[in-house]
């Protein structure tokens, strides 16, 4: 059955569909997630940004651990007739689909946040096309995609209300985010060391390491911001647009540093940790001093 589905997608392939599906699959990649979470945390609602970020991070870490345990090969790796496309983003193993898990979690969070029909329809379409694109591009089996949908939507439906409730308890939020942030950071460092020493599977755990470092930086930042920096996310449109663009430029610079820094696990860990910390604490702190944010 799975092979028949994969062959069907191969049979309808065309240059136009190739381009369309590659664009659709980008909707399930980390760049969009990071940018939108940053926009929420800076300009919309810290509570909603926290819930979206947390639900996404924990479902994605769960997905990454499952990948490392199952170690399933991708279709294009085992079938000569399957042409893999955009394989540079197909990191790690196959089961479950990371793009599908991320898209399902992220867009379900947006739909849950706004509870508006038009937004819900757009989010459902985004999830659908990301899922379809992963099979069309030959990088995931149908079972990978279905598992990603179940994990992303089911996990987020369970976690999002919990994180919303947690945010309303300030003292508990400060302690939980600090503890979880520090634990995530330590686990990320452990993975860096064990991957570099050959004790952990680099294919299976590199993405988990990045997710842990992003969660660690983001959560430590959330904790510090809640305790010491109660900044506002509102303001005139020109002010919110300006602060978003400036903050985004620095995110691009941090992530873009990969192009000229050494290709080393430690560098990757620091890049993601700093990204999370920049979004949730460091940029708002600097922004307050520059009057981009108000208290």
Protein backbone atom coordinates (compact mmCIF):
# COMPACT_ATOMS: atom_id res chain seq x y z
CA UNK A 1 0.00 0.00 0.00
CA UNK A 2 2.74 2.45 0.95
CA UNK A 3 4.71 1.64 -2.19
CA UNK A 4 1.60 2.14 -4.32
CA UNK A 5 1.07 5.59 -2.81
CA UNK A 6 4.71 6.55 -3.37
CA UNK A 7 4.58 5.32 -6.97
CA UNK A 8 1.40 7.33 -7.56
CA UNK A 9 3.15 10.54 -6.55
CA UNK A 10 6.10 9.67 -8.76
CA UNK A 11 3.74 9.03 -11.69
CA UNK A 12 2.15 12.51 -11.50
CA UNK A 13 5.47 14.35 -11.13
CA UNK A 14 6.07 17.35 -13.36
CA UNK A 15 8.32 20.43 -13.21
CA UNK A 16 5.36 22.60 -12.16
CA UNK A 17 4.36 20.22 -9.36
CA UNK A 18 8.00 19.85 -8.34
CA UNK A 19 8.28 23.59 -7.78
CA UNK A 20 4.89 23.82 -6.08
CA UNK A 21 5.62 20.97 -3.66
CA UNK A 22 9.03 22.36 -2.80
CA UNK A 23 7.39 25.65 -1.89
CA UNK A 24 4.72 23.86 0.14
CA UNK A 25 7.27 21.83 2.07
CA UNK A 26 8.99 25.06 3.14
CA UNK A 27 5.86 25.81 5.19
CA UNK A 28 7.02 23.05 7.51
CA UNK A 29 10.58 24.29 8.03
CA UNK A 30 12.12 25.95 11.06
CA UNK A 31 12.64 29.38 9.48
CA UNK A 32 8.92 30.14 9.37
CA UNK A 33 8.38 28.78 12.88
CA UNK A 34 11.16 30.88 14.39
CA UNK A 35 10.12 34.07 12.60
CA UNK A 36 6.44 33.78 13.56
CA UNK A 37 7.18 32.87 17.19
CA UNK A 38 9.47 35.91 17.38
CA UNK A 39 6.72 38.11 15.96
CA UNK A 40 4.26 36.85 18.57
CA UNK A 41 6.69 37.30 21.47
CA UNK A 42 7.64 40.82 20.38
CA UNK A 43 4.46 42.23 18.85
CA UNK A 44 1.35 40.18 19.61
CA UNK A 45 1.22 38.30 22.91
CA UNK A 46 3.97 36.81 25.05
CA UNK A 47 1.46 34.30 26.43
CA UNK A 48 0.45 33.07 22.97
CA UNK A 49 4.05 33.07 21.79
CA UNK A 50 5.05 31.01 24.82
CA UNK A 51 2.25 28.47 24.23
CA UNK A 52 3.03 28.12 20.51
CA UNK A 53 6.79 27.84 21.09
CA UNK A 54 6.45 25.36 23.95
CA UNK A 55 3.95 23.08 22.22
CA UNK A 56 6.05 23.05 19.07
CA UNK A 57 9.34 22.46 20.89
CA UNK A 58 8.12 19.52 22.96
CA UNK A 59 6.33 17.78 20.09
CA UNK A 60 9.41 18.22 17.89
CA UNK A 61 11.75 16.87 20.57
CA UNK A 62 9.46 13.85 20.96
CA UNK A 63 9.51 13.41 17.19
CA UNK A 64 13.32 13.62 17.13
CA UNK A 65 13.71 10.98 19.84
CA UNK A 66 11.31 8.66 17.98
CA UNK A 67 13.35 9.12 14.80
CA UNK A 68 16.53 8.17 16.65
CA UNK A 69 14.92 5.09 18.20
CA UNK A 70 13.16 3.71 15.09
CA UNK A 71 15.96 4.59 12.62
CA UNK A 72 13.76 4.08 9.56
CA UNK A 73 15.38 4.77 6.16
CA UNK A 74 13.77 7.24 3.76
CA UNK A 75 12.07 6.11 0.52
CA UNK A 76 14.68 7.60 -1.82
CA UNK A 77 17.40 5.80 0.16
CA UNK A 78 16.00 2.31 -0.39
CA UNK A 79 14.07 2.53 -3.67
CA UNK A 80 15.85 3.37 -6.90
CA UNK A 81 12.60 4.42 -8.57
CA UNK A 82 11.93 7.10 -5.95
CA UNK A 83 13.49 10.44 -6.81
CA UNK A 84 14.27 12.40 -3.66
CA UNK A 85 13.92 16.18 -3.86
CA UNK A 86 15.04 18.87 -1.42
CA UNK A 87 16.96 16.18 0.38
CA UNK A 88 19.25 18.73 2.02
CA UNK A 89 16.41 19.40 4.46
CA UNK A 90 15.71 15.70 4.98
CA UNK A 91 17.98 15.33 7.98
CA UNK A 92 17.85 12.39 10.35
CA UNK A 93 15.80 9.27 9.86
CA UNK A 94 12.36 8.89 8.27
CA UNK A 95 9.80 7.99 10.96
CA UNK A 96 7.95 10.15 11.89
CA UNK A 97 8.04 13.07 9.44
CA UNK A 98 9.61 16.10 11.10
CA UNK A 99 8.20 18.59 8.60
CA UNK A 100 4.71 17.16 9.05
CA UNK A 101 5.00 17.07 12.84
CA UNK A 102 6.22 20.66 12.94
CA UNK A 103 3.58 21.93 10.52
CA UNK A 104 0.77 20.08 12.31
CA UNK A 105 1.83 21.46 15.68
CA UNK A 106 2.55 24.99 14.52
CA UNK A 107 -0.50 25.59 12.33
CA UNK A 108 -2.82 23.81 14.76
CA UNK A 109 -1.48 26.20 17.43
CA UNK A 110 -2.28 29.20 15.23
CA UNK A 111 -5.79 27.91 14.56
CA UNK A 112 -6.31 27.22 18.27
CA UNK A 113 -4.99 30.67 19.17
CA UNK A 114 -7.28 32.67 16.89
CA UNK A 115 -10.31 30.35 16.61
CA UNK A 116 -11.41 32.05 13.38
CA UNK A 117 -12.78 30.03 10.46
CA UNK A 118 -10.66 31.66 7.76
CA UNK A 119 -7.45 31.20 9.73
CA UNK A 120 -8.38 27.61 10.61
CA UNK A 121 -8.98 26.78 6.94
CA UNK A 122 -5.64 28.29 5.89
CA UNK A 123 -3.85 26.41 8.67
CA UNK A 124 -5.53 23.13 7.69
CA UNK A 125 -4.47 23.65 4.07
CA UNK A 126 -0.89 24.37 5.16
CA UNK A 127 -0.77 21.15 7.19
CA UNK A 128 -2.30 19.16 4.32
CA UNK A 129 0.09 20.42 1.68
CA UNK A 130 3.18 19.98 3.85
CA UNK A 131 2.13 16.38 4.51
CA UNK A 132 1.47 15.69 0.82
CA UNK A 133 4.70 17.38 -0.24
CA UNK A 134 6.83 15.09 1.93
CA UNK A 135 5.52 12.02 0.08
CA UNK A 136 5.60 13.69 -3.34
CA UNK A 137 9.24 14.70 -2.81
CA UNK A 138 10.11 11.10 -1.97
CA UNK A 139 11.54 11.85 1.47
CA UNK A 140 8.85 10.19 3.61
CA UNK A 141 6.59 7.16 3.60
CA UNK A 142 2.83 7.58 4.18
CA UNK A 143 3.18 6.07 7.66
CA UNK A 144 5.78 8.74 8.53
CA UNK A 145 3.36 11.46 7.51
CA UNK A 146 0.37 9.99 9.37
CA UNK A 147 2.47 9.60 12.50
CA UNK A 148 3.65 13.20 12.17
CA UNK A 149 0.06 14.43 11.85
CA UNK A 150 -1.03 12.46 14.91
CA UNK A 151 1.92 13.60 17.00
CA UNK A 152 1.78 17.24 15.92
CA UNK A 153 -1.97 17.73 16.30
CA UNK A 154 -2.53 15.37 19.24
CA UNK A 155 0.49 16.59 21.17
CA UNK A 156 -0.36 20.24 20.65
CA UNK A 157 -4.05 19.78 21.50
CA UNK A 158 -2.89 18.31 24.82
CA UNK A 159 0.00 20.68 25.57
CA UNK A 160 -1.23 24.10 24.41
CA UNK A 161 -3.88 24.54 27.15
CA UNK A 162 -1.35 23.40 29.77
CA UNK A 163 1.16 26.04 28.69
CA UNK A 164 -1.52 28.72 28.58
CA UNK A 165 -2.48 27.88 32.16
CA UNK A 166 1.17 27.79 33.23
CA UNK A 167 1.76 31.27 31.82
CA UNK A 168 -0.99 32.73 34.03
CA UNK A 169 0.89 31.65 37.17
CA UNK A 170 3.87 33.99 37.08
CA UNK A 171 5.89 32.55 39.95
CA UNK A 172 5.45 29.00 38.74
CA UNK A 173 6.21 30.04 35.16
CA UNK A 174 9.52 31.62 36.21
CA UNK A 175 10.66 28.53 38.12
CA UNK A 176 9.44 25.95 35.57
CA UNK A 177 10.94 27.70 32.55
CA UNK A 178 14.26 28.21 34.34
CA UNK A 179 14.48 24.58 35.49
CA UNK A 180 13.37 23.13 32.14
CA UNK A 181 15.60 25.58 30.28
CA UNK A 182 18.67 24.57 32.30
CA UNK A 183 17.90 20.84 32.01
CA UNK A 184 17.42 21.19 28.24
CA UNK A 185 20.71 23.06 27.96
CA UNK A 186 22.58 20.40 29.93
CA UNK A 187 21.02 17.61 27.86
CA UNK A 188 21.99 19.48 24.71
CA UNK A 189 25.58 19.74 25.91
CA UNK A 190 25.60 16.03 26.76
CA UNK A 191 24.45 15.22 23.23
CA UNK A 192 27.14 17.47 21.77
CA UNK A 193 29.80 15.59 23.74
CA UNK A 194 28.44 12.11 23.07
CA UNK A 195 27.86 12.75 19.36
CA UNK A 196 31.38 14.13 18.97
CA UNK A 197 32.82 11.15 20.82
CA UNK A 198 30.80 8.67 18.76
CA UNK A 199 28.74 7.46 21.73
CA UNK A 200 25.48 8.84 20.27
CA UNK A 201 24.16 8.44 16.74
CA UNK A 202 24.86 11.72 14.91
CA UNK A 203 22.14 11.06 12.31
CA UNK A 204 19.53 10.40 14.98
CA UNK A 205 20.41 12.95 17.63
CA UNK A 206 21.85 16.04 15.92
CA UNK A 207 18.40 17.55 15.36
CA UNK A 208 17.40 16.69 18.93
CA UNK A 209 20.48 18.54 20.15
CA UNK A 210 19.49 21.64 18.18
CA UNK A 211 15.92 21.51 19.51
CA UNK A 212 17.13 21.13 23.10
CA UNK A 213 19.49 24.09 22.74
CA UNK A 214 16.74 26.24 21.20
CA UNK A 215 14.36 25.27 24.01
CA UNK A 216 17.08 25.87 26.59
CA UNK A 217 17.90 29.35 25.34
CA UNK A 218 14.25 30.23 24.85
CA UNK A 219 13.15 29.03 28.28
CA UNK A 220 16.00 30.63 30.21
CA UNK A 221 15.12 33.82 28.36
CA UNK A 222 11.41 33.48 29.19
CA UNK A 223 12.26 33.02 32.86
CA UNK A 224 14.50 36.10 33.00
CA UNK A 225 12.01 38.21 31.05
CA UNK A 226 9.14 37.29 33.35
CA UNK A 227 11.19 38.06 36.45
CA UNK A 228 13.08 41.18 35.40
CA UNK A 229 11.61 42.56 32.17
CA UNK A 230 7.85 42.94 31.94
CA UNK A 231 7.92 44.62 28.52
CA UNK A 232 4.85 45.43 26.44
CA UNK A 233 4.11 43.95 23.01
CA UNK A 234 1.80 46.75 21.87
CA UNK A 235 2.60 50.10 20.31
CA UNK A 236 2.09 52.13 17.12
CA UNK A 237 2.31 50.10 13.90
CA UNK A 238 5.48 51.84 12.72
CA UNK A 239 7.13 51.01 16.04
CA UNK A 240 6.12 47.34 16.03
CA UNK A 241 7.21 46.91 12.42
CA UNK A 242 10.55 48.60 13.10
CA UNK A 243 11.35 46.48 16.13
CA UNK A 244 10.35 43.30 14.31
CA UNK A 245 12.57 44.06 11.31
CA UNK A 246 15.55 44.92 13.52
CA UNK A 247 15.09 41.80 15.62
CA UNK A 248 14.63 39.66 12.52
CA UNK A 249 17.87 40.96 10.98
CA UNK A 250 19.74 39.72 14.04
CA UNK A 251 18.02 36.32 13.88
CA UNK A 252 19.12 36.02 10.26
CA UNK A 253 22.64 37.03 11.27
CA UNK A 254 22.74 34.44 14.07
CA UNK A 255 21.43 31.60 11.92
CA UNK A 256 23.41 32.80 8.88
CA UNK A 257 26.66 32.57 10.85
CA UNK A 258 26.60 28.89 9.89
CA UNK A 259 28.00 29.91 6.49
CA UNK A 260 31.34 31.11 7.86
CA UNK A 261 31.73 29.50 11.29
CA UNK A 262 33.27 26.04 11.72
CA UNK A 263 30.91 23.13 11.05
CA UNK A 264 31.08 21.83 14.61
CA UNK A 265 28.47 20.53 17.06
CA UNK A 266 29.41 23.15 19.65
CA UNK A 267 28.88 25.95 17.13
CA UNK A 268 25.49 24.52 16.15
CA UNK A 269 24.48 24.22 19.79
CA UNK A 270 25.45 27.83 20.51
CA UNK A 271 23.72 29.14 17.39
CA UNK A 272 20.36 27.68 18.41
CA UNK A 273 20.75 28.54 22.09
CA UNK A 274 21.51 32.17 21.24
CA UNK A 275 18.57 32.27 18.82
CA UNK A 276 16.14 31.22 21.55
CA UNK A 277 17.72 33.53 24.14
CA UNK A 278 17.73 36.46 21.69
CA UNK A 279 14.03 36.12 20.93
CA UNK A 280 12.77 35.74 24.47
CA UNK A 281 15.08 37.98 26.51
CA UNK A 282 18.16 39.58 24.98
CA UNK A 283 16.44 41.53 22.19
CA UNK A 284 13.59 42.80 24.40
CA UNK A 285 16.22 43.88 26.97
CA UNK A 286 18.18 45.82 24.36
CA UNK A 287 14.94 47.01 22.79
CA UNK A 288 13.76 48.57 26.04
CA UNK A 289 16.99 50.55 26.28
CA UNK A 290 16.58 51.67 22.67
CA UNK A 291 12.90 52.49 23.31
CA UNK A 292 11.74 49.93 20.79
CA UNK A 293 9.81 48.27 23.63
CA UNK A 294 8.04 49.96 26.52
CA UNK A 295 7.64 48.73 30.09
